[in-house]
Protein backbone atom coordinates (compact mmCIF):
# COMPACT_ATOMS: atom_id res chain seq x y z
CA MET A 1 32.99 -1.35 -3.21
CA ALA A 2 29.07 0.64 -2.81
CA SER A 3 28.36 3.59 -5.42
CA LEU A 4 28.46 6.87 -4.99
CA ASN A 5 25.79 7.43 -7.39
CA PRO A 6 23.67 3.98 -6.85
CA LYS A 7 20.77 4.14 -9.43
CA VAL A 8 18.45 2.78 -6.68
CA SER A 9 18.01 3.31 -2.72
CA ILE A 10 15.90 0.76 -1.21
CA VAL A 11 14.70 1.44 2.40
CA VAL A 12 13.72 -0.86 4.71
CA PRO A 13 11.37 0.14 7.57
CA ALA A 14 12.34 -2.61 10.51
CA TYR A 15 10.22 -2.81 13.64
CA ASN A 16 10.38 -6.32 15.82
CA ALA A 17 10.88 -8.10 12.46
CA GLU A 18 13.26 -10.93 13.69
CA GLY A 19 11.04 -13.34 12.26
CA THR A 20 11.10 -12.31 8.69
CA LEU A 21 13.77 -9.51 8.12
CA LYS A 22 16.72 -12.14 6.75
CA ARG A 23 13.87 -13.44 4.36
CA CYS A 24 13.61 -10.20 3.58
CA LEU A 25 17.12 -9.04 3.24
CA ASP A 26 18.37 -11.86 1.22
CA SER A 27 16.01 -11.38 -1.36
CA LEU A 28 17.41 -7.38 -1.60
CA PHE A 29 20.80 -8.65 -2.03
CA ASP A 30 20.04 -11.01 -4.80
CA GLN A 31 19.38 -8.02 -7.12
CA GLU A 32 20.37 -8.76 -10.87
CA LEU A 33 20.66 -4.68 -10.41
CA ASP A 34 24.66 -3.53 -10.66
CA SER A 35 24.04 -0.47 -8.80
CA TYR A 36 21.77 0.09 -5.99
CA GLU A 37 21.94 0.27 -1.99
CA VAL A 38 19.39 -1.03 0.93
CA ILE A 39 19.11 1.41 3.84
CA LEU A 40 17.43 -0.27 6.44
CA VAL A 41 15.39 1.82 9.41
CA ASN A 42 15.59 -0.05 12.66
CA ASP A 43 12.40 1.82 14.33
CA GLY A 44 13.10 0.85 18.11
CA SER A 45 12.79 -2.93 17.95
CA THR A 46 13.10 -4.36 21.26
CA ASP A 47 13.49 -8.06 19.28
CA GLY A 48 16.53 -9.37 17.56
CA THR A 49 15.43 -7.77 14.79
CA LEU A 50 19.31 -4.83 15.04
CA GLU A 51 21.12 -8.35 15.85
CA ILE A 52 19.74 -9.65 12.15
CA ALA A 53 20.36 -6.58 10.44
CA ARG A 54 24.10 -6.15 11.63
CA GLU A 55 24.99 -9.50 10.00
CA PHE A 56 24.55 -7.76 6.91
CA GLU A 57 26.97 -4.80 7.63
CA ILE A 58 29.81 -6.46 5.58
CA LYS A 59 27.49 -5.77 2.59
CA ASP A 60 28.99 -2.41 0.94
CA ASN A 61 25.62 -1.52 0.07
CA PHE A 62 24.17 -1.78 2.95
CA VAL A 63 23.12 1.33 5.10
CA LEU A 64 22.05 0.85 8.98
CA ILE A 65 20.28 3.26 10.89
CA ASN A 66 19.31 3.22 14.79
CA GLN A 67 16.22 5.46 15.91
CA PRO A 68 13.70 5.88 18.33
CA ASN A 69 10.14 4.18 17.69
CA SER A 70 8.59 6.74 15.46
CA GLY A 71 6.32 4.93 13.02
CA VAL A 72 6.88 3.37 9.43
CA ALA A 73 6.42 6.93 8.00
CA LYS A 74 9.41 8.84 9.67
CA ALA A 75 11.12 5.55 9.59
CA ARG A 76 10.88 5.78 5.65
CA TRP A 77 12.00 9.62 5.37
CA THR A 78 15.24 8.72 7.83
CA GLY A 79 15.85 6.49 4.89
CA VAL A 80 14.94 8.51 1.96
CA ALA A 81 17.03 11.59 3.62
CA ALA A 82 20.15 8.85 3.77
CA SER A 83 19.95 8.21 0.48
CA LYS A 84 21.84 8.56 -2.86
CA GLY A 85 19.70 7.06 -5.21
CA ARG A 86 18.05 8.67 -8.13
CA TYR A 87 15.04 6.67 -7.95
CA LEU A 88 13.73 4.91 -4.38
CA GLY A 89 12.12 2.40 -3.51
CA PHE A 90 10.49 0.74 -0.32
CA VAL A 91 10.49 -2.69 1.04
CA ASP A 92 8.37 -3.88 4.12
CA ALA A 93 10.40 -6.67 6.34
CA ASP A 94 8.12 -9.00 6.22
CA ASP A 95 8.18 -8.87 2.44
CA LYS A 96 10.46 -10.03 -0.51
CA VAL A 97 11.13 -8.89 -4.09
CA LYS A 98 12.00 -11.19 -7.37
CA SER A 99 15.44 -11.13 -8.16
CA ASN A 100 15.05 -8.67 -11.32
CA MET A 101 11.84 -6.24 -9.50
CA PHE A 102 14.84 -3.59 -9.10
CA SER A 103 16.64 -3.80 -12.60
CA ARG A 104 13.35 -4.24 -14.17
CA VAL A 105 11.86 -0.88 -13.00
CA PHE A 106 15.39 1.11 -13.31
CA ASN A 107 15.42 -0.05 -16.89
CA ARG A 108 11.82 0.96 -17.16
CA ALA A 109 12.13 3.93 -16.08
CA THR A 110 15.39 5.20 -18.09
CA GLU A 111 13.70 3.76 -21.43
CA THR A 112 10.22 5.90 -20.33
CA ASP A 113 12.09 8.79 -18.60
CA ALA A 114 9.11 8.40 -15.58
CA ASP A 115 8.62 9.84 -12.59
CA ILE A 116 7.25 6.74 -10.70
CA ILE A 117 7.14 2.99 -12.35
CA VAL A 118 4.35 0.49 -11.05
CA CYS A 119 4.43 -3.17 -11.10
CA ASN A 120 2.28 -6.12 -9.94
CA TRP A 121 2.19 -7.86 -6.87
CA GLU A 122 1.74 -11.43 -5.53
CA ASN A 123 0.77 -12.78 -1.81
CA PHE A 124 2.56 -15.39 -0.09
CA GLY A 125 1.86 -17.04 3.17
CA ALA A 126 -1.93 -17.14 4.41
CA ASP A 127 -2.88 -15.89 0.81
CA ASN A 128 -1.31 -16.42 -2.41
CA LYS A 129 -3.18 -13.91 -4.29
CA LYS A 130 -1.93 -12.94 -7.81
CA ASN A 131 -2.58 -8.89 -7.78
CA THR A 132 -2.49 -8.52 -11.70
CA LEU A 133 -3.74 -5.07 -11.58
CA TYR A 134 -1.74 -3.06 -14.78
CA ASN A 135 -0.59 -4.13 -18.12
CA ASN A 136 2.49 -2.26 -19.78
CA ALA A 137 1.68 1.23 -20.54
CA THR A 138 3.48 4.96 -20.23
CA SER A 139 1.28 7.95 -19.43
CA ASP A 140 1.77 11.51 -19.20
CA ASP A 141 -2.01 12.30 -18.23
CA ALA A 142 -1.68 13.16 -13.85
CA VAL A 143 -5.55 12.78 -13.84
CA LYS A 144 -5.70 9.43 -15.53
CA ASN A 145 -3.01 8.14 -13.52
CA THR A 146 -4.80 9.29 -10.08
CA CYS A 147 -7.71 7.64 -11.40
CA LYS A 148 -6.71 4.56 -12.26
CA ILE A 149 -4.52 3.85 -9.11
CA ILE A 150 -6.03 5.64 -6.61
CA PHE A 151 -10.01 5.65 -8.19
CA GLN A 152 -10.02 2.94 -10.35
CA LYS A 153 -7.15 0.24 -9.30
CA ARG A 154 -7.98 1.07 -5.27
CA ASP A 155 -4.07 0.62 -5.12
CA GLY A 156 -2.63 2.32 -1.93
CA HIS A 157 0.49 0.05 -2.03
CA LEU A 158 4.03 2.22 -1.54
CA CYS A 159 6.13 -0.97 -2.14
CA ASN A 160 5.21 -1.96 -5.52
CA LYS A 161 6.39 1.36 -6.97
CA VAL A 162 9.35 3.43 -7.06
CA PHE A 163 9.74 7.07 -7.49
CA LEU A 164 12.05 9.46 -8.98
CA ARG A 165 14.13 11.15 -5.54
CA GLY A 166 12.33 15.05 -6.53
CA LEU A 167 8.99 13.89 -5.99
CA LEU A 168 9.39 12.38 -2.09
CA THR A 169 9.63 15.49 0.31
CA GLU A 170 9.41 15.68 4.32
CA GLU A 171 6.42 17.88 4.19
CA ILE A 172 4.45 14.51 2.43
CA PHE A 173 5.62 12.39 4.71
CA GLN A 174 5.27 14.18 7.45
CA LYS A 175 1.55 14.10 6.42
CA ALA A 176 1.78 10.31 7.74
CA TYR A 177 3.75 10.59 10.76
CA GLY A 178 2.06 8.97 13.72
CA ILE A 179 -0.54 7.14 11.91
CA ARG A 180 0.47 3.27 11.79
CA PHE A 181 -2.40 1.43 9.39
CA CYS A 182 -3.19 3.02 5.38
CA GLU A 183 -0.02 5.41 5.71
CA ASP A 184 0.69 4.17 2.24
CA LEU A 185 -2.82 5.69 1.10
CA LEU A 186 -2.76 8.87 2.57
CA LEU A 187 1.15 9.23 0.75
CA HIS A 188 -0.54 8.17 -2.76
CA ILE A 189 -3.15 11.23 -3.01
CA TYR A 190 -0.15 13.82 -2.61
CA LEU A 191 2.41 11.30 -4.30
CA ILE A 192 0.35 10.49 -7.55
CA PRO A 193 -0.82 13.66 -8.65
CA LYS A 194 2.63 14.86 -8.71
CA ALA A 195 4.27 13.08 -11.44
CA ARG A 196 5.04 14.10 -14.84
CA ARG A 197 4.82 10.71 -16.17
CA ILE A 198 4.04 6.88 -14.82
CA ALA A 199 5.04 4.01 -16.30
CA PHE A 200 3.70 0.67 -15.52
CA LEU A 201 5.02 -2.86 -15.71
CA ALA A 202 2.40 -6.34 -15.68
CA ASP A 203 5.46 -8.17 -14.13
CA LEU A 204 4.82 -9.57 -10.49
CA LEU A 205 8.12 -8.30 -9.04
CA TYR A 206 6.77 -7.42 -5.12
CA GLU A 207 6.03 -10.72 -3.02
CA ARG A 208 3.71 -9.14 -0.13
CA PHE A 209 3.99 -11.55 3.19
CA ILE A 210 0.00 -12.10 4.89
CA HIS A 211 -0.30 -13.85 8.19
CA SER A 212 -2.31 -14.28 10.76
CA ALA A 213 -0.92 -11.17 13.05
CA SER A 214 -0.67 -8.56 10.27
CA SER A 215 -2.89 -5.75 11.13
CA THR A 216 -5.02 -6.10 8.11
CA ARG A 217 -5.99 -9.44 9.36
CA VAL A 218 -6.85 -8.57 13.17
CA PRO A 219 -7.45 -4.94 13.47
CA THR A 220 -6.83 -3.01 17.20
CA MET A 221 -9.11 0.21 17.09
CA GLU A 222 -6.51 2.13 16.82
CA SER A 223 -5.79 0.65 13.60
CA LEU A 224 -9.50 1.20 12.47
CA SER A 225 -8.97 4.81 13.90
CA ASP A 226 -6.19 5.26 11.59
CA PHE A 227 -8.32 3.69 8.41
CA LEU A 228 -11.17 6.05 9.13
CA PHE A 229 -8.44 8.84 9.72
CA VAL A 230 -7.04 8.59 6.29
CA HIS A 231 -10.23 8.13 4.38
CA ASP A 232 -11.58 11.15 5.35
CA GLU A 233 -8.59 12.72 4.52
CA MET A 234 -8.79 11.35 0.99
CA PHE A 235 -11.99 12.12 0.72
CA LEU A 236 -11.34 16.27 1.75
CA HIS A 237 -8.07 16.14 0.27
CA PHE A 238 -10.20 15.26 -3.30
CA MET A 239 -13.04 17.40 -2.26
CA HIS A 240 -11.78 20.33 -2.19
CA HIS A 241 -9.39 19.67 -5.27
CA GLU A 242 -8.86 21.97 -8.05
CA GLU A 243 -9.43 18.90 -10.31
CA THR A 244 -13.46 18.01 -11.10
CA LEU A 245 -13.08 14.92 -11.82
CA PHE A 246 -11.41 14.30 -8.62
CA ARG A 247 -14.40 16.01 -6.63
CA LYS A 248 -16.95 13.96 -8.89
CA ARG A 249 -15.16 10.64 -8.08
CA SER A 250 -14.43 11.20 -4.47
CA PRO A 251 -18.15 10.24 -2.97
CA GLY A 252 -17.33 6.73 -4.40
CA LEU A 253 -14.14 6.02 -3.29
CA TYR A 254 -15.09 7.07 0.52
CA MET A 255 -18.05 5.31 0.51
CA ARG A 256 -15.99 2.14 -0.34
CA GLY A 257 -13.91 2.92 2.25
CA LEU A 258 -16.70 3.47 5.14
CA LEU A 259 -18.39 0.27 3.68
CA GLU A 260 -15.13 -1.96 4.20
CA LEU A 261 -14.80 -0.60 7.82
CA SER A 262 -18.31 -1.16 8.47
CA LEU A 263 -17.71 -4.65 7.39
CA ILE A 264 -14.73 -5.05 9.23
CA CYS A 265 -16.49 -3.42 12.51
CA GLN A 266 -18.94 -6.20 12.19
CA ARG A 267 -16.81 -9.10 11.96
CA GLN A 268 -13.95 -8.39 14.82
CA PRO A 269 -14.51 -8.74 18.32
CA LEU A 270 -13.72 -5.48 19.99
CA PRO A 271 -14.24 -3.67 23.48
CA THR A 272 -18.40 -2.88 23.05
CA GLU A 273 -18.47 1.18 23.55
CA GLU A 274 -15.73 1.84 21.49
CA LEU A 275 -17.17 -0.17 18.80
CA ALA A 276 -20.13 1.91 19.53
CA GLN A 277 -18.65 4.85 18.84
CA LEU A 278 -16.79 4.34 16.00
CA ARG A 279 -19.69 2.97 14.06
CA SER A 280 -21.59 5.56 15.31
CA GLU A 281 -19.24 8.21 13.43
CA ILE A 282 -19.06 5.99 10.19
CA GLU A 283 -22.96 5.86 10.07
CA LYS A 284 -22.89 9.36 10.41
CA ARG A 285 -20.30 10.14 7.44
CA LYS A 286 -22.50 7.16 5.39
CA SER A 287 -25.69 8.97 5.29
CA ALA A 288 -24.09 12.12 4.71
CA ILE A 289 -23.44 10.92 0.95
CA THR A 290 -26.68 10.65 -1.29
CA LEU A 291 -27.38 7.94 -3.31
CA ALA A 292 -27.47 10.26 -6.71
CA GLU A 293 -23.79 12.12 -5.89
CA LEU A 294 -22.72 8.26 -5.24
CA LEU A 295 -24.19 7.03 -8.27
CA ARG A 296 -22.37 10.11 -10.54
CA SER A 297 -19.06 9.08 -8.91
CA GLY A 298 -19.16 6.15 -10.78
CA PRO A 299 -18.18 3.74 -8.24
CA GLY A 300 -18.09 0.48 -9.89
CA PHE A 301 -20.77 -2.60 -9.47
CA LYS A 302 -19.20 -3.91 -6.57
CA THR A 303 -19.68 -0.56 -4.41
CA ILE A 304 -22.95 0.06 -5.26
CA LEU A 305 -23.95 -3.81 -4.45
CA MET A 306 -22.33 -3.14 -0.82
CA PHE A 307 -23.84 -0.04 -0.82
CA PHE A 308 -27.54 -1.55 -1.06
CA LEU A 309 -26.54 -4.58 0.72
CA ASP A 310 -25.76 -2.17 3.78
CA LYS A 311 -28.69 -0.66 3.30
CA VAL A 312 -31.15 -3.32 4.36
CA GLY A 313 -28.86 -4.71 6.63
CA LEU A 314 -26.84 -8.05 4.63
CA LEU A 315 -23.69 -6.92 4.32
CA GLY A 316 -22.33 -8.76 6.76
CA LEU A 317 -24.10 -12.03 6.10
CA ALA A 318 -23.37 -11.80 1.86
CA PHE A 319 -19.36 -11.51 2.88
CA LYS A 320 -19.87 -14.16 5.53
CA ILE A 321 -21.64 -16.49 2.42
CA TRP A 322 -18.76 -15.22 -0.11
CA SER A 323 -15.75 -16.04 1.78
CA SER A 324 -17.19 -19.52 3.28
CA PRO A 325 -14.81 -21.98 2.46
CA PHE A 326 -17.07 -24.02 -0.08
CA ILE A 327 -17.94 -20.45 -1.87
CA ARG A 328 -14.16 -19.82 -1.62
CA SER A 329 -13.54 -23.41 -3.42
CA ILE A 330 -16.08 -22.61 -6.46
CA ARG A 331 -14.74 -19.08 -6.62
CA ASN A 332 -11.17 -20.59 -7.13
CA PHE A 333 -12.14 -23.62 -9.44
CA ARG A 334 -10.29 -23.66 -12.89
CA TRP A 335 -11.26 -25.99 -15.71
CA SER A 336 -8.49 -27.59 -17.13
CA SER A 337 -8.01 -29.21 -20.30
CA PRO A 338 -7.42 -33.37 -20.82
CA GLY A 339 -3.99 -33.65 -21.19
């Protein structure tokens, strides 16, 4: 029987995910946690997503919701509004999770009385990177937590976090409606500073699928425009924030996003007129940030290096060399001790 008050509600927005959804749901119904619900929101899929989802309706703790295509942020809020759990987690339909993910994060939440629990994650598919950003720690300092997650780690992923349900409001999710790329990052700037306490886990619990068809690999003009919009909003939000440290650090975070977007534009074949207009907008924003503002923001060595390479027109070439198979093999090389 499904629990009337599950410990965790897991929301899965799905749009045309017939190729990955079963793998995702199989991992969710293999959880060690004894009380949880899975809420799948079919966001107007036109493939076999709905049929696959219906195969799981025999599960007592599965809720299936259909809605017209409205975007991932709206689909997530639909799931949140229908949920009953004390804590909420989000899983993308492409991805999967370790069998102990939600038991680990719930136990961590219980031990620490945290509003947000953050874990590490690993990629699978075209990229097998292990993203080990966090050690086991707990912090009640909202400013420190925001700087750590957003400014230092630049962690804009929603799915490696579980939230106390009171943090999640429709007003916050509405800010991301209509955005189909970087919407997680936009939600972060409102959610992370609200948390009274955040607990971190060193465990690699979430598994993010990377494939060549991902919008993060083959961006469209719409996704690039979303990227710029979100970084504009983030910059304005923190520059007008009452916290002095956020205002100080904002130029560096903004510049890093603009440099990354410049780099993506250089690497992708897109319609010339649209691309030229977007590049022009990016250049205007970069030129508005002085070197002194950038350095005062404490952006880190990589951002400073990217800034100067961009200034001399070598950022694209440097990235091409850095990403070449030969250099990648050297970067990934590990010395092994004799047996």
